[in-house]
C-alpha atoms as a PDB file:
ATOM      1  CA  MET A   1     106.687 105.227  44.325  1.00  0.00           C
ATOM      2  CA  GLN A   2     106.530 102.720  47.154  1.00  0.00           C
ATOM      3  CA  THR A   3     107.404  99.063  46.978  1.00  0.00           C
ATOM      4  CA  ALA A   4     105.921  96.279  49.075  1.00  0.00           C
ATOM      5  CA  GLU A   5     108.135  94.319  51.407  1.00  0.00           C
ATOM      6  CA  LEU A   6     108.211  90.616  50.683  1.00  0.00           C
ATOM      7  CA  SER A   7     107.100  89.903  54.250  1.00  0.00           C
ATOM      8  CA  ALA A   8     103.775  91.572  53.384  1.00  0.00           C
ATOM      9  CA  CYS A   9     102.728  88.963  50.831  1.00  0.00           C
ATOM     10  CA  ASP A  10     101.668  85.351  50.488  1.00  0.00           C
ATOM     11  CA  VAL A  11     102.602  83.120  47.559  1.00  0.00           C
ATOM     12  CA  ARG A  12     100.637  80.051  46.498  1.00  0.00           C
ATOM     13  CA  ARG A  13     101.126  77.644  43.613  1.00  0.00           C
ATOM     14  CA  ARG A  14      97.921  76.092  42.315  1.00  0.00           C
ATOM     15  CA  SER A  15      97.715  72.518  41.039  1.00  0.00           C
ATOM     16  CA  ASP A  16      97.563  73.828  37.443  1.00  0.00           C
ATOM     17  CA  GLY A  17     100.957  75.567  37.907  1.00  0.00           C
ATOM     18  CA  VAL A  18      99.644  79.133  38.203  1.00  0.00           C
ATOM     19  CA  VAL A  19     101.397  81.115  40.936  1.00  0.00           C
ATOM     20  CA  LEU A  20      99.235  83.557  42.925  1.00  0.00           C
ATOM     21  CA  VAL A  21     100.857  86.401  44.859  1.00  0.00           C
ATOM     22  CA  ARG A  22      98.708  88.306  47.380  1.00  0.00           C
ATOM     23  CA  VAL A  23     100.152  91.602  48.626  1.00  0.00           C
ATOM     24  CA  ARG A  24      98.410  92.711  51.799  1.00  0.00           C
ATOM     25  CA  SER A  25      97.513  96.379  51.905  1.00  0.00           C
ATOM     26  CA  ASP A  26      98.482  98.819  54.633  1.00  0.00           C
ATOM     27  CA  VAL A  27      96.073 100.912  56.623  1.00  0.00           C
ATOM     28  CA  ARG A  28      96.308 104.487  55.362  1.00  0.00           C
ATOM     29  CA  GLN A  29      94.434 107.335  57.019  1.00  0.00           C
ATOM     30  CA  GLY A  30      92.350 104.825  58.967  1.00  0.00           C
ATOM     31  CA  ARG A  31      91.281 102.870  55.872  1.00  0.00           C
ATOM     32  CA  ARG A  32      92.501  99.627  54.381  1.00  0.00           C
ATOM     33  CA  LEU A  33      92.450  99.138  50.629  1.00  0.00           C
ATOM     34  CA  PRO A  34      91.758  95.675  49.171  1.00  0.00           C
ATOM     35  CA  ASP A  35      94.741  93.365  48.843  1.00  0.00           C
ATOM     36  CA  ALA A  36      96.424  93.202  45.443  1.00  0.00           C
ATOM     37  CA  ILE A  37      96.491  89.758  43.817  1.00  0.00           C
ATOM     38  CA  PHE A  38      98.759  88.906  40.894  1.00  0.00           C
ATOM     39  CA  SER A  39      98.896  85.681  38.894  1.00  0.00           C
ATOM     40  CA  PHE A  40     101.874  84.369  36.956  1.00  0.00           C
ATOM     41  CA  ARG A  41     101.819  81.628  34.346  1.00  0.00           C
ATOM     42  CA  GLN A  42     104.601  79.813  32.539  1.00  0.00           C
ATOM     43  CA  GLY A  43     106.041  82.230  29.986  1.00  0.00           C
ATOM     44  CA  ASP A  44     105.531  85.304  32.188  1.00  0.00           C
ATOM     45  CA  PRO A  45     108.842  87.107  32.855  1.00  0.00           C
ATOM     46  CA  GLN A  46     108.547  86.725  36.656  1.00  0.00           C
ATOM     47  CA  TYR A  47     107.100  83.200  36.706  1.00  0.00           C
ATOM     48  CA  GLU A  48     110.329  81.405  37.643  1.00  0.00           C
ATOM     49  CA  TYR A  49     111.085  83.828  40.493  1.00  0.00           C
ATOM     50  CA  TRP A  50     107.630  83.460  42.071  1.00  0.00           C
ATOM     51  CA  THR A  51     107.587  79.699  41.519  1.00  0.00           C
ATOM     52  CA  ALA A  52     110.822  79.465  43.514  1.00  0.00           C
ATOM     53  CA  GLN A  53     109.275  81.646  46.236  1.00  0.00           C
ATOM     54  CA  ALA A  54     106.180  79.422  46.358  1.00  0.00           C
ATOM     55  CA  LEU A  55     108.187  76.199  46.572  1.00  0.00           C
ATOM     56  CA  GLY A  56     110.432  77.593  49.317  1.00  0.00           C
ATOM     57  CA  GLN A  57     107.686  78.224  51.835  1.00  0.00           C
ATOM     58  CA  THR A  58     105.062  76.395  53.830  1.00  0.00           C
ATOM     59  CA  SER A  59     101.369  76.975  53.201  1.00  0.00           C
ATOM     60  CA  ASN A  60     101.087  79.663  55.914  1.00  0.00           C
ATOM     61  CA  SER A  61     104.400  81.470  55.536  1.00  0.00           C
ATOM     62  CA  HIS A  62     105.196  84.754  53.806  1.00  0.00           C
ATOM     63  CA  CYS A  63     107.521  85.483  50.905  1.00  0.00           C
ATOM     64  CA  GLY A  64     111.070  86.430  51.569  1.00  0.00           C
END
């Protein structure tokens, strides 16, 4: 199992409080898969972590 590095993702917090995390895919065997996008809402176990990540970065920076 592989894990994504935090430098390979972008975190955004929408005006309604939802946190969106986009993990950019790698090129494998000459092909790129679509990016993975996760959303976290208040009450989700990882919501506080990703909210802190979103608030700690500028609009064009990466997580981490």
